[in-house]
Amino acid sequence: MLRTRTTRRRWAGAALAVGAAVAVVLGPTPAGATPDTADEAARLVAETGQQLTDLDEQVHQAEVTVAEQQATATAAAGTAAEAEAALAAYEPQLRALAQSSQTSRSRMAAFLTGDSAADVIQQMTTLDLIADHTEGLIAEVSAAQRAADEARAAADQAEAQAQASLATLREQRAEVQRRIDEYEADFARLSAAEQAAVTATLAGPALPAPSTAAVVAAAPSEAAGTVVATALGQVGDPYVWGASGPNGFDCSGLTQYAYAAVGVSLPHSSGAQSRLGVAIPRAQLQPGDVVYFYSPVSHVGIYVGNGMMVHARTFGQPVAVTTVDMRGYAGARRIL
């Protein structure tokens, strides 16, 4: 029972740092006194657990943003390298031009002191041609120089933004882990019955896992069967924040791991996963479909048939099978 510590007070108004397009913010919980009853303590722990679920997804969204920024920086660096290589390709032409101009000036000086007007005219024509070529080449080189400078500036800016976002994300991860540790300490102070009530509130009561062979047989395709079998094979593995296997998972990490078994790469974000594939009504769910919860989306699982899903439920609880109709059901997507 919690009587002297209050999750509510420690979380009220808390917010993580924001930087470089990566923002992770904890919403405040209602203000109130230290809980005096077991029911009140359990309710506050459940509220905090829901906040952690939301925060978990915010961090994953930030990780996706940082990954996109890093990819942009890499692409920009490649573009800059190409532009700089194109500029360097002009160097032999510039050397040849300089040598040609020097030779032509020497010849022209010789002919201007000679007696042949025809030769002088020929040399003047040659110099005019060289001047035209020089002007065109210099214009091309100038354009290439500008392109290289702009590409390098864009690459440097993209890299700086990616690095700043990554540094912010690392700080946020550390802060989130600290809050998870506090939550789990509070959870541990509850009685077994209170813990079960909190877990059921957050993620539904665990159900006996169905026969993997039967679920695979009912799957709409071999790939869907493999996804479901892979997910069911992780039942009992611990919930580990930010993990995608093979020995621990969070919710989107489990779906990512299961789909990787059939060569499908999913982002490690429940919100991002909820936008993949095609939307499926509740009545048309099939084994292998991704089901998602809350608004904004902060939890996902994999439907296994007969109204059940397998998912990495919540902090401190192992991967389990539960009803799909738990609190916060928001929709489903068919990715295969």
C-alpha atoms as a PDB file:
ATOM      1  CA  MET A   1       0.000   0.000   0.000  1.00  0.00           C
ATOM      2  CA  LEU A   2       1.203   3.541  -0.753  1.00  0.00           C
ATOM      3  CA  ARG A   3       0.694   5.990   2.117  1.00  0.00           C
ATOM      4  CA  THR A   4       3.762   8.220   2.280  1.00  0.00           C
ATOM      5  CA  ARG A   5       4.809   8.591  -1.334  1.00  0.00           C
ATOM      6  CA  THR A   6       2.629  10.075  -4.020  1.00  0.00           C
ATOM      7  CA  THR A   7       3.115   9.379  -7.685  1.00  0.00           C
ATOM      8  CA  ARG A   8       0.700  12.206  -8.406  1.00  0.00           C
ATOM      9  CA  ARG A   9       2.821  14.850  -6.687  1.00  0.00           C
ATOM     10  CA  ARG A  10       6.078  13.705  -8.287  1.00  0.00           C
ATOM     11  CA  TRP A  11       4.561  13.760 -11.765  1.00  0.00           C
ATOM     12  CA  ALA A  12       2.466  16.914 -11.619  1.00  0.00           C
ATOM     13  CA  GLY A  13       3.586  19.369 -14.265  1.00  0.00           C
ATOM     14  CA  ALA A  14       6.731  17.391 -15.147  1.00  0.00           C
ATOM     15  CA  ALA A  15       8.146  17.913 -18.628  1.00  0.00           C
ATOM     16  CA  LEU A  16      11.199  16.664 -20.464  1.00  0.00           C
ATOM     17  CA  ALA A  17      13.553  18.866 -22.452  1.00  0.00           C
ATOM     18  CA  VAL A  18      12.610  19.904 -25.968  1.00  0.00           C
ATOM     19  CA  GLY A  19      15.191  20.325 -28.692  1.00  0.00           C
ATOM     20  CA  ALA A  20      15.723  20.299 -32.456  1.00  0.00           C
ATOM     21  CA  ALA A  21      12.301  19.013 -33.523  1.00  0.00           C
ATOM     22  CA  VAL A  22      12.314  16.293 -30.855  1.00  0.00           C
ATOM     23  CA  ALA A  23       9.785  16.980 -28.105  1.00  0.00           C
ATOM     24  CA  VAL A  24       8.743  14.597 -25.361  1.00  0.00           C
ATOM     25  CA  VAL A  25       6.413  16.043 -22.756  1.00  0.00           C
ATOM     26  CA  LEU A  26       4.737  14.543 -19.723  1.00  0.00           C
ATOM     27  CA  GLY A  27       1.233  15.822 -19.181  1.00  0.00           C
ATOM     28  CA  PRO A  28       0.392  16.720 -15.603  1.00  0.00           C
ATOM     29  CA  THR A  29      -1.734  14.480 -13.440  1.00  0.00           C
ATOM     30  CA  PRO A  30      -4.496  15.979 -11.297  1.00  0.00           C
ATOM     31  CA  ALA A  31      -3.212  17.637  -8.148  1.00  0.00           C
ATOM     32  CA  GLY A  32      -4.188  16.061  -4.859  1.00  0.00           C
ATOM     33  CA  ALA A  33      -3.149  14.845  -1.416  1.00  0.00           C
ATOM     34  CA  THR A  34      -1.005  11.838  -0.617  1.00  0.00           C
ATOM     35  CA  PRO A  35      -3.167   8.704  -0.986  1.00  0.00           C
ATOM     36  CA  ASP A  36      -4.523   7.350   2.310  1.00  0.00           C
ATOM     37  CA  THR A  37      -6.124   4.159   1.038  1.00  0.00           C
ATOM     38  CA  ALA A  38      -5.008   1.180  -0.984  1.00  0.00           C
ATOM     39  CA  ASP A  39      -7.622   1.910  -3.636  1.00  0.00           C
ATOM     40  CA  GLU A  40      -6.403   5.472  -4.015  1.00  0.00           C
ATOM     41  CA  ALA A  41      -2.794   4.309  -4.248  1.00  0.00           C
ATOM     42  CA  ALA A  42      -3.677   1.725  -6.885  1.00  0.00           C
ATOM     43  CA  ARG A  43      -5.628   4.310  -8.867  1.00  0.00           C
ATOM     44  CA  LEU A  44      -2.697   6.730  -8.864  1.00  0.00           C
ATOM     45  CA  VAL A  45      -0.276   4.001  -9.928  1.00  0.00           C
ATOM     46  CA  ALA A  46      -2.631   3.058 -12.776  1.00  0.00           C
ATOM     47  CA  GLU A  47      -2.783   6.695 -13.872  1.00  0.00           C
ATOM     48  CA  THR A  48       0.987   6.874 -13.857  1.00  0.00           C
ATOM     49  CA  GLY A  49       1.213   3.640 -15.832  1.00  0.00           C
ATOM     50  CA  GLN A  50      -0.999   5.161 -18.517  1.00  0.00           C
ATOM     51  CA  GLN A  51       1.197   8.247 -18.577  1.00  0.00           C
ATOM     52  CA  LEU A  52       4.233   6.030 -19.054  1.00  0.00           C
ATOM     53  CA  THR A  53       2.507   4.292 -21.968  1.00  0.00           C
ATOM     54  CA  ASP A  54       1.935   7.662 -23.596  1.00  0.00           C
ATOM     55  CA  LEU A  55       5.476   8.768 -22.829  1.00  0.00           C
ATOM     56  CA  ASP A  56       6.912   5.542 -24.221  1.00  0.00           C
ATOM     57  CA  GLU A  57       5.272   6.306 -27.557  1.00  0.00           C
ATOM     58  CA  GLN A  58       6.445   9.921 -27.527  1.00  0.00           C
ATOM     59  CA  VAL A  59      10.023   8.731 -27.140  1.00  0.00           C
ATOM     60  CA  HIS A  60       9.594   6.255 -29.995  1.00  0.00           C
ATOM     61  CA  GLN A  61       8.193   9.017 -32.203  1.00  0.00           C
ATOM     62  CA  ALA A  62      11.223  11.112 -31.283  1.00  0.00           C
ATOM     63  CA  GLU A  63      13.488   8.198 -32.209  1.00  0.00           C
ATOM     64  CA  VAL A  64      11.790   7.983 -35.610  1.00  0.00           C
ATOM     65  CA  THR A  65      12.317  11.723 -36.075  1.00  0.00           C
ATOM     66  CA  VAL A  66      15.988  11.465 -35.172  1.00  0.00           C
ATOM     67  CA  ALA A  67      16.440   8.513 -37.534  1.00  0.00           C
ATOM     68  CA  GLU A  68      14.838  10.539 -40.328  1.00  0.00           C
ATOM     69  CA  GLN A  69      17.100  13.489 -39.547  1.00  0.00           C
ATOM     70  CA  GLN A  70      20.152  11.228 -39.601  1.00  0.00           C
ATOM     71  CA  ALA A  71      19.077   9.782 -42.955  1.00  0.00           C
ATOM     72  CA  THR A  72      18.587  13.306 -44.300  1.00  0.00           C
ATOM     73  CA  ALA A  73      22.050  14.280 -43.071  1.00  0.00           C
ATOM     74  CA  THR A  74      23.586  11.233 -44.733  1.00  0.00           C
ATOM     75  CA  ALA A  75      21.809  11.966 -48.019  1.00  0.00           C
ATOM     76  CA  ALA A  76      22.840  15.625 -47.836  1.00  0.00           C
ATOM     77  CA  ALA A  77      26.455  14.634 -47.241  1.00  0.00           C
ATOM     78  CA  GLY A  78      26.272  12.410 -50.317  1.00  0.00           C
ATOM     79  CA  THR A  79      24.870  15.251 -52.400  1.00  0.00           C
ATOM     80  CA  ALA A  80      27.626  17.558 -51.147  1.00  0.00           C
ATOM     81  CA  ALA A  81      30.291  14.995 -52.037  1.00  0.00           C
ATOM     82  CA  GLU A  82      28.854  14.650 -55.543  1.00  0.00           C
ATOM     83  CA  ALA A  83      28.798  18.427 -55.992  1.00  0.00           C
ATOM     84  CA  GLU A  84      32.375  18.733 -54.775  1.00  0.00           C
ATOM     85  CA  ALA A  85      33.454  15.913 -57.104  1.00  0.00           C
ATOM     86  CA  ALA A  86      31.770  17.701 -60.036  1.00  0.00           C
ATOM     87  CA  LEU A  87      33.688  20.858 -59.134  1.00  0.00           C
ATOM     88  CA  ALA A  88      36.974  18.958 -58.886  1.00  0.00           C
ATOM     89  CA  ALA A  89      36.387  17.545 -62.394  1.00  0.00           C
ATOM     90  CA  TYR A  90      36.950  21.019 -63.819  1.00  0.00           C
ATOM     91  CA  GLU A  91      40.505  21.193 -62.505  1.00  0.00           C
ATOM     92  CA  PRO A  92      42.196  19.575 -65.588  1.00  0.00           C
ATOM     93  CA  GLN A  93      40.290  21.936 -67.902  1.00  0.00           C
ATOM     94  CA  LEU A  94      41.314  24.949 -65.861  1.00  0.00           C
ATOM     95  CA  ARG A  95      44.968  23.862 -65.923  1.00  0.00           C
ATOM     96  CA  ALA A  96      44.821  23.345 -69.695  1.00  0.00           C
ATOM     97  CA  LEU A  97      43.138  26.708 -70.149  1.00  0.00           C
ATOM     98  CA  ALA A  98      45.780  28.474 -68.134  1.00  0.00           C
ATOM     99  CA  GLN A  99      48.547  26.814 -70.143  1.00  0.00           C
ATOM    100  CA  SER A 100      46.830  27.564 -73.457  1.00  0.00           C
ATOM    101  CA  SER A 101      46.289  31.204 -72.566  1.00  0.00           C
ATOM    102  CA  GLN A 102      49.937  31.627 -71.604  1.00  0.00           C
ATOM    103  CA  THR A 103      51.165  30.007 -74.842  1.00  0.00           C
ATOM    104  CA  SER A 104      48.786  32.053 -76.997  1.00  0.00           C
ATOM    105  CA  ARG A 105      49.878  35.318 -75.405  1.00  0.00           C
ATOM    106  CA  SER A 106      53.520  34.439 -76.116  1.00  0.00           C
ATOM    107  CA  ARG A 107      52.756  33.631 -79.730  1.00  0.00           C
ATOM    108  CA  MET A 108      50.702  36.772 -80.161  1.00  0.00           C
ATOM    109  CA  ALA A 109      53.549  38.896 -78.850  1.00  0.00           C
ATOM    110  CA  ALA A 110      55.879  37.310 -81.400  1.00  0.00           C
ATOM    111  CA  PHE A 111      53.517  37.873 -84.315  1.00  0.00           C
ATOM    112  CA  LEU A 112      52.812  41.473 -83.379  1.00  0.00           C
ATOM    113  CA  THR A 113      56.497  42.168 -83.916  1.00  0.00           C
ATOM    114  CA  GLY A 114      56.515  40.284 -87.245  1.00  0.00           C
ATOM    115  CA  ASP A 115      55.644  41.254 -90.815  1.00  0.00           C
ATOM    116  CA  SER A 116      52.671  38.937 -91.611  1.00  0.00           C
ATOM    117  CA  ALA A 117      49.271  40.630 -91.175  1.00  0.00           C
ATOM    118  CA  ALA A 118      47.509  37.348 -92.001  1.00  0.00           C
ATOM    119  CA  ASP A 119      49.259  35.589 -89.142  1.00  0.00           C
ATOM    120  CA  VAL A 120      48.383  38.414 -86.798  1.00  0.00           C
ATOM    121  CA  ILE A 121      44.709  38.153 -87.758  1.00  0.00           C
ATOM    122  CA  GLN A 122      44.794  34.389 -87.275  1.00  0.00           C
ATOM    123  CA  GLN A 123      46.272  34.767 -83.811  1.00  0.00           C
ATOM    124  CA  MET A 124      43.700  37.401 -82.886  1.00  0.00           C
ATOM    125  CA  THR A 125      40.941  35.010 -83.963  1.00  0.00           C
ATOM    126  CA  THR A 126      42.501  32.269 -81.858  1.00  0.00           C
ATOM    127  CA  LEU A 127      42.616  34.562 -78.841  1.00  0.00           C
ATOM    128  CA  ASP A 128      38.963  35.467 -79.332  1.00  0.00           C
ATOM    129  CA  LEU A 129      38.036  31.774 -79.379  1.00  0.00           C
ATOM    130  CA  ILE A 130      40.066  31.153 -76.249  1.00  0.00           C
ATOM    131  CA  ALA A 131      38.384  34.101 -74.547  1.00  0.00           C
ATOM    132  CA  ASP A 132      34.934  32.766 -75.412  1.00  0.00           C
ATOM    133  CA  HIS A 133      35.839  29.307 -74.159  1.00  0.00           C
ATOM    134  CA  THR A 134      37.356  30.769 -71.033  1.00  0.00           C
ATOM    135  CA  GLU A 135      34.254  32.804 -70.270  1.00  0.00           C
ATOM    136  CA  GLY A 136      31.988  29.770 -70.686  1.00  0.00           C
ATOM    137  CA  LEU A 137      34.211  27.516 -68.613  1.00  0.00           C
ATOM    138  CA  ILE A 138      34.536  30.028 -65.816  1.00  0.00           C
ATOM    139  CA  ALA A 139      30.747  30.410 -65.735  1.00  0.00           C
ATOM    140  CA  GLU A 140      30.381  26.626 -65.425  1.00  0.00           C
ATOM    141  CA  VAL A 141      33.016  26.460 -62.697  1.00  0.00           C
ATOM    142  CA  SER A 142      31.344  29.301 -60.788  1.00  0.00           C
ATOM    143  CA  ALA A 143      27.995  27.533 -60.945  1.00  0.00           C
ATOM    144  CA  ALA A 144      29.601  24.282 -59.781  1.00  0.00           C
ATOM    145  CA  GLN A 145      31.316  26.120 -56.926  1.00  0.00           C
ATOM    146  CA  ARG A 146      28.026  27.641 -55.782  1.00  0.00           C
ATOM    147  CA  ALA A 147      26.317  24.248 -55.963  1.00  0.00           C
ATOM    148  CA  ALA A 148      29.095  22.624 -53.933  1.00  0.00           C
ATOM    149  CA  ASP A 149      29.045  25.393 -51.311  1.00  0.00           C
ATOM    150  CA  GLU A 150      25.247  25.231 -50.951  1.00  0.00           C
ATOM    151  CA  ALA A 151      25.242  21.424 -50.768  1.00  0.00           C
ATOM    152  CA  ARG A 152      27.963  21.406 -48.119  1.00  0.00           C
ATOM    153  CA  ALA A 153      26.156  24.053 -46.072  1.00  0.00           C
ATOM    154  CA  ALA A 154      22.931  22.021 -46.248  1.00  0.00           C
ATOM    155  CA  ALA A 155      24.792  18.866 -45.240  1.00  0.00           C
ATOM    156  CA  ASP A 156      26.456  20.586 -42.291  1.00  0.00           C
ATOM    157  CA  GLN A 157      23.126  22.019 -41.132  1.00  0.00           C
ATOM    158  CA  ALA A 158      21.384  18.641 -41.426  1.00  0.00           C
ATOM    159  CA  GLU A 159      24.165  16.929 -39.498  1.00  0.00           C
ATOM    160  CA  ALA A 160      24.087  19.577 -36.763  1.00  0.00           C
ATOM    161  CA  GLN A 161      20.323  19.212 -36.374  1.00  0.00           C
ATOM    162  CA  ALA A 162      20.551  15.414 -36.253  1.00  0.00           C
ATOM    163  CA  GLN A 163      23.286  15.527 -33.624  1.00  0.00           C
ATOM    164  CA  ALA A 164      21.401  18.078 -31.507  1.00  0.00           C
ATOM    165  CA  SER A 165      18.246  15.953 -31.671  1.00  0.00           C
ATOM    166  CA  LEU A 166      20.180  12.826 -30.773  1.00  0.00           C
ATOM    167  CA  ALA A 167      21.714  14.527 -27.741  1.00  0.00           C
ATOM    168  CA  THR A 168      18.271  15.670 -26.590  1.00  0.00           C
ATOM    169  CA  LEU A 169      16.837  12.209 -27.128  1.00  0.00           C
ATOM    170  CA  ARG A 170      19.563  10.623 -25.011  1.00  0.00           C
ATOM    171  CA  GLU A 171      18.733  12.991 -22.158  1.00  0.00           C
ATOM    172  CA  GLN A 172      15.042  12.171 -22.519  1.00  0.00           C
ATOM    173  CA  ARG A 173      15.680   8.432 -22.435  1.00  0.00           C
ATOM    174  CA  ALA A 174      17.596   8.786 -19.187  1.00  0.00           C
ATOM    175  CA  GLU A 175      14.806  10.858 -17.630  1.00  0.00           C
ATOM    176  CA  VAL A 176      12.122   8.438 -18.791  1.00  0.00           C
ATOM    177  CA  GLN A 177      14.054   5.506 -17.335  1.00  0.00           C
ATOM    178  CA  ARG A 178      14.235   7.301 -14.009  1.00  0.00           C
ATOM    179  CA  ARG A 179      10.454   7.778 -14.034  1.00  0.00           C
ATOM    180  CA  ILE A 180       9.925   4.143 -14.973  1.00  0.00           C
ATOM    181  CA  ASP A 181      12.046   3.091 -12.013  1.00  0.00           C
ATOM    182  CA  GLU A 182       9.905   5.253  -9.723  1.00  0.00           C
ATOM    183  CA  TYR A 183       6.715   3.780 -11.153  1.00  0.00           C
ATOM    184  CA  GLU A 184       7.909   0.205 -10.702  1.00  0.00           C
ATOM    185  CA  ALA A 185       8.937   0.949  -7.105  1.00  0.00           C
ATOM    186  CA  ASP A 186       5.441   2.313  -6.437  1.00  0.00           C
ATOM    187  CA  PHE A 187       3.879  -0.701  -8.164  1.00  0.00           C
ATOM    188  CA  ALA A 188       5.928  -3.076  -6.020  1.00  0.00           C
ATOM    189  CA  ARG A 189       4.460  -1.527  -2.868  1.00  0.00           C
ATOM    190  CA  LEU A 190       0.956  -2.604  -3.860  1.00  0.00           C
ATOM    191  CA  SER A 191      -0.515  -5.908  -2.751  1.00  0.00           C
ATOM    192  CA  ALA A 192      -0.806  -8.742  -5.264  1.00  0.00           C
ATOM    193  CA  ALA A 193      -4.520  -8.039  -5.676  1.00  0.00           C
ATOM    194  CA  GLU A 194      -3.859  -4.341  -6.220  1.00  0.00           C
ATOM    195  CA  GLN A 195      -1.138  -5.092  -8.744  1.00  0.00           C
ATOM    196  CA  ALA A 196      -3.482  -7.383 -10.661  1.00  0.00           C
ATOM    197  CA  ALA A 197      -6.158  -4.673 -10.678  1.00  0.00           C
ATOM    198  CA  VAL A 198      -3.702  -2.065 -11.990  1.00  0.00           C
ATOM    199  CA  THR A 199      -2.422  -4.389 -14.712  1.00  0.00           C
ATOM    200  CA  ALA A 200      -5.959  -5.328 -15.766  1.00  0.00           C
ATOM    201  CA  THR A 201      -6.876  -1.645 -15.941  1.00  0.00           C
ATOM    202  CA  LEU A 202      -3.868  -0.806 -18.083  1.00  0.00           C
ATOM    203  CA  ALA A 203      -3.628  -3.852 -20.322  1.00  0.00           C
ATOM    204  CA  GLY A 204      -6.319  -6.424 -19.646  1.00  0.00           C
ATOM    205  CA  PRO A 205      -6.086  -9.665 -17.663  1.00  0.00           C
ATOM    206  CA  ALA A 206      -3.852 -12.401 -19.064  1.00  0.00           C
ATOM    207  CA  LEU A 207      -5.624 -15.296 -20.807  1.00  0.00           C
ATOM    208  CA  PRO A 208      -4.352 -18.813 -21.560  1.00  0.00           C
ATOM    209  CA  ALA A 209      -2.367 -18.686 -24.801  1.00  0.00           C
ATOM    210  CA  PRO A 210      -4.119 -20.484 -27.674  1.00  0.00           C
ATOM    211  CA  SER A 211      -2.538 -23.363 -29.532  1.00  0.00           C
ATOM    212  CA  THR A 212       0.027 -21.927 -31.916  1.00  0.00           C
ATOM    213  CA  ALA A 213      -0.714 -24.668 -34.454  1.00  0.00           C
ATOM    214  CA  ALA A 214      -4.423 -23.859 -34.400  1.00  0.00           C
ATOM    215  CA  VAL A 215      -3.798 -20.129 -34.764  1.00  0.00           C
ATOM    216  CA  VAL A 216      -1.393 -20.672 -37.659  1.00  0.00           C
ATOM    217  CA  ALA A 217      -3.909 -22.950 -39.363  1.00  0.00           C
ATOM    218  CA  ALA A 218      -6.551 -20.231 -39.101  1.00  0.00           C
ATOM    219  CA  ALA A 219      -4.282 -17.488 -40.403  1.00  0.00           C
ATOM    220  CA  PRO A 220      -5.191 -16.040 -43.815  1.00  0.00           C
ATOM    221  CA  SER A 221      -1.697 -16.623 -45.225  1.00  0.00           C
ATOM    222  CA  GLU A 222       1.560 -18.364 -44.457  1.00  0.00           C
ATOM    223  CA  ALA A 223       3.175 -15.022 -43.700  1.00  0.00           C
ATOM    224  CA  ALA A 224       0.411 -14.048 -41.262  1.00  0.00           C
ATOM    225  CA  GLY A 225       0.771 -17.437 -39.587  1.00  0.00           C
ATOM    226  CA  THR A 226       4.503 -16.867 -39.152  1.00  0.00           C
ATOM    227  CA  VAL A 227       3.903 -13.424 -37.647  1.00  0.00           C
ATOM    228  CA  VAL A 228       1.413 -14.808 -35.123  1.00  0.00           C
ATOM    229  CA  ALA A 229       3.557 -17.832 -34.283  1.00  0.00           C
ATOM    230  CA  THR A 230       6.580 -15.597 -33.728  1.00  0.00           C
ATOM    231  CA  ALA A 231       4.632 -13.288 -31.432  1.00  0.00           C
ATOM    232  CA  LEU A 232       3.096 -16.148 -29.448  1.00  0.00           C
ATOM    233  CA  GLY A 233       6.560 -17.615 -29.053  1.00  0.00           C
ATOM    234  CA  GLN A 234       7.466 -14.593 -26.927  1.00  0.00           C
ATOM    235  CA  VAL A 235       4.687 -15.060 -24.336  1.00  0.00           C
ATOM    236  CA  GLY A 236       6.264 -14.815 -20.898  1.00  0.00           C
ATOM    237  CA  ASP A 237       9.197 -12.680 -22.047  1.00  0.00           C
ATOM    238  CA  PRO A 238       9.634  -9.543 -19.931  1.00  0.00           C
ATOM    239  CA  TYR A 239       8.446  -6.081 -20.819  1.00  0.00           C
ATOM    240  CA  VAL A 240      11.573  -4.003 -21.431  1.00  0.00           C
ATOM    241  CA  TRP A 241      11.148  -0.399 -22.376  1.00  0.00           C
ATOM    242  CA  GLY A 242      12.608   0.385 -25.794  1.00  0.00           C
ATOM    243  CA  ALA A 243      13.400  -3.280 -26.542  1.00  0.00           C
ATOM    244  CA  SER A 244      12.560  -5.235 -29.680  1.00  0.00           C
ATOM    245  CA  GLY A 245      13.832  -8.669 -28.697  1.00  0.00           C
ATOM    246  CA  PRO A 246      14.905 -11.284 -28.682  1.00  0.00           C
ATOM    247  CA  ASN A 247      14.662 -11.552 -24.876  1.00  0.00           C
ATOM    248  CA  GLY A 248      12.530  -8.530 -23.971  1.00  0.00           C
ATOM    249  CA  PHE A 249      10.021  -6.266 -25.665  1.00  0.00           C
ATOM    250  CA  ASP A 250       7.880  -3.214 -25.438  1.00  0.00           C
ATOM    251  CA  CYS A 251       4.619  -3.136 -27.388  1.00  0.00           C
ATOM    252  CA  SER A 252       5.823  -1.832 -30.759  1.00  0.00           C
ATOM    253  CA  GLY A 253       9.073  -3.754 -30.332  1.00  0.00           C
ATOM    254  CA  LEU A 254       7.123  -7.024 -30.220  1.00  0.00           C
ATOM    255  CA  THR A 255       5.151  -6.260 -33.382  1.00  0.00           C
ATOM    256  CA  GLN A 256       8.348  -5.128 -35.076  1.00  0.00           C
ATOM    257  CA  TYR A 257      10.062  -8.380 -34.096  1.00  0.00           C
ATOM    258  CA  ALA A 258       7.163 -10.568 -35.257  1.00  0.00           C
ATOM    259  CA  TYR A 259       6.904  -8.898 -38.650  1.00  0.00           C
ATOM    260  CA  ALA A 260      10.656  -9.019 -39.156  1.00  0.00           C
ATOM    261  CA  ALA A 261      10.242 -12.821 -39.220  1.00  0.00           C
ATOM    262  CA  VAL A 262       8.582 -12.450 -42.636  1.00  0.00           C
ATOM    263  CA  GLY A 263      10.938  -9.756 -43.902  1.00  0.00           C
ATOM    264  CA  VAL A 264       8.638  -6.806 -43.174  1.00  0.00           C
ATOM    265  CA  SER A 265      10.327  -3.858 -41.473  1.00  0.00           C
ATOM    266  CA  LEU A 266       8.082  -1.891 -39.117  1.00  0.00           C
ATOM    267  CA  PRO A 267       9.048   1.354 -37.372  1.00  0.00           C
ATOM    268  CA  HIS A 268       9.536   1.026 -33.622  1.00  0.00           C
ATOM    269  CA  SER A 269       6.548   3.249 -32.899  1.00  0.00           C
ATOM    270  CA  SER A 270       2.954   2.273 -32.221  1.00  0.00           C
ATOM    271  CA  GLY A 271       1.716   5.514 -33.769  1.00  0.00           C
ATOM    272  CA  ALA A 272       3.700   4.932 -36.956  1.00  0.00           C
ATOM    273  CA  GLN A 273       2.565   1.303 -37.136  1.00  0.00           C
ATOM    274  CA  SER A 274      -1.068   2.391 -36.813  1.00  0.00           C
ATOM    275  CA  ARG A 275      -0.732   4.267 -40.118  1.00  0.00           C
ATOM    276  CA  LEU A 276       0.634   1.362 -42.162  1.00  0.00           C
ATOM    277  CA  GLY A 277      -1.333  -1.022 -44.381  1.00  0.00           C
ATOM    278  CA  VAL A 278      -5.102  -0.674 -44.647  1.00  0.00           C
ATOM    279  CA  ALA A 279      -7.713  -0.039 -41.969  1.00  0.00           C
ATOM    280  CA  ILE A 280      -9.717  -3.099 -40.868  1.00  0.00           C
ATOM    281  CA  PRO A 281     -13.077  -2.997 -39.017  1.00  0.00           C
ATOM    282  CA  ARG A 282     -13.221  -4.832 -35.694  1.00  0.00           C
ATOM    283  CA  ALA A 283     -15.596  -7.428 -37.158  1.00  0.00           C
ATOM    284  CA  GLN A 284     -13.133  -8.325 -39.934  1.00  0.00           C
ATOM    285  CA  LEU A 285     -10.021  -8.892 -37.847  1.00  0.00           C
ATOM    286  CA  GLN A 286      -7.789 -11.780 -38.900  1.00  0.00           C
ATOM    287  CA  PRO A 287      -4.731 -13.326 -37.236  1.00  0.00           C
ATOM    288  CA  GLY A 288      -1.691 -11.191 -37.932  1.00  0.00           C
ATOM    289  CA  ASP A 289      -3.513  -7.837 -38.022  1.00  0.00           C
ATOM    290  CA  VAL A 290      -2.002  -5.057 -35.921  1.00  0.00           C
ATOM    291  CA  VAL A 291      -4.450  -3.637 -33.367  1.00  0.00           C
ATOM    292  CA  TYR A 292      -3.839  -0.262 -31.757  1.00  0.00           C
ATOM    293  CA  PHE A 293      -5.122   1.667 -28.762  1.00  0.00           C
ATOM    294  CA  TYR A 294      -5.799   5.145 -27.383  1.00  0.00           C
ATOM    295  CA  SER A 295      -5.779   8.577 -28.999  1.00  0.00           C
ATOM    296  CA  PRO A 296      -3.140   9.523 -29.779  1.00  0.00           C
ATOM    297  CA  VAL A 297      -2.045   5.949 -30.405  1.00  0.00           C
ATOM    298  CA  SER A 298       0.332   4.680 -27.720  1.00  0.00           C
ATOM    299  CA  HIS A 299      -0.085   0.895 -27.706  1.00  0.00           C
ATOM    300  CA  VAL A 300      -0.200  -1.953 -30.239  1.00  0.00           C
ATOM    301  CA  GLY A 301      -0.634  -5.710 -30.301  1.00  0.00           C
ATOM    302  CA  ILE A 302      -1.120  -8.552 -32.789  1.00  0.00           C
ATOM    303  CA  TYR A 303      -4.515 -10.168 -33.239  1.00  0.00           C
ATOM    304  CA  VAL A 304      -4.446 -13.962 -32.891  1.00  0.00           C
ATOM    305  CA  GLY A 305      -8.123 -14.795 -33.477  1.00  0.00           C
ATOM    306  CA  ASN A 306     -11.190 -15.536 -31.337  1.00  0.00           C
ATOM    307  CA  GLY A 307     -11.199 -12.007 -29.926  1.00  0.00           C
ATOM    308  CA  MET A 308      -7.670 -12.297 -28.514  1.00  0.00           C
ATOM    309  CA  MET A 309      -4.379 -10.563 -29.105  1.00  0.00           C
ATOM    310  CA  VAL A 310      -0.786 -11.051 -28.006  1.00  0.00           C
ATOM    311  CA  HIS A 311       1.112  -7.985 -26.814  1.00  0.00           C
ATOM    312  CA  ALA A 312       3.830  -6.681 -24.565  1.00  0.00           C
ATOM    313  CA  ARG A 313       1.345  -5.328 -22.081  1.00  0.00           C
ATOM    314  CA  THR A 314       2.890  -2.759 -19.788  1.00  0.00           C
ATOM    315  CA  PHE A 315       5.828  -1.977 -17.518  1.00  0.00           C
ATOM    316  CA  GLY A 316       6.732  -4.830 -15.213  1.00  0.00           C
ATOM    317  CA  GLN A 317       4.411  -7.333 -16.936  1.00  0.00           C
ATOM    318  CA  PRO A 318       5.444 -10.088 -19.364  1.00  0.00           C
ATOM    319  CA  VAL A 319       4.230 -10.576 -22.921  1.00  0.00           C
ATOM    320  CA  ALA A 320       0.768 -12.136 -22.686  1.00  0.00           C
ATOM    321  CA  VAL A 321      -2.444 -12.954 -24.502  1.00  0.00           C
ATOM    322  CA  THR A 322      -5.483 -10.859 -23.553  1.00  0.00           C
ATOM    323  CA  THR A 323      -8.805  -9.879 -25.030  1.00  0.00           C
ATOM    324  CA  VAL A 324      -8.541  -7.452 -27.922  1.00  0.00           C
ATOM    325  CA  ASP A 325     -11.489  -5.532 -26.514  1.00  0.00           C
ATOM    326  CA  MET A 326      -9.565  -3.942 -23.693  1.00  0.00           C
ATOM    327  CA  ARG A 327      -9.849  -0.302 -22.689  1.00  0.00           C
ATOM    328  CA  GLY A 328      -8.795   2.195 -25.359  1.00  0.00           C
ATOM    329  CA  TYR A 329      -9.262   0.027 -28.467  1.00  0.00           C
ATOM    330  CA  ALA A 330      -8.949   2.422 -31.427  1.00  0.00           C
ATOM    331  CA  GLY A 331      -8.598   0.344 -34.593  1.00  0.00           C
ATOM    332  CA  ALA A 332      -6.648  -2.188 -36.620  1.00  0.00           C
ATOM    333  CA  ARG A 333      -4.431  -2.303 -39.701  1.00  0.00           C
ATOM    334  CA  ARG A 334      -3.703  -5.141 -42.108  1.00  0.00           C
ATOM    335  CA  ILE A 335      -0.068  -4.828 -43.132  1.00  0.00           C
ATOM    336  CA  LEU A 336       0.438  -8.109 -45.009  1.00  0.00           C
END
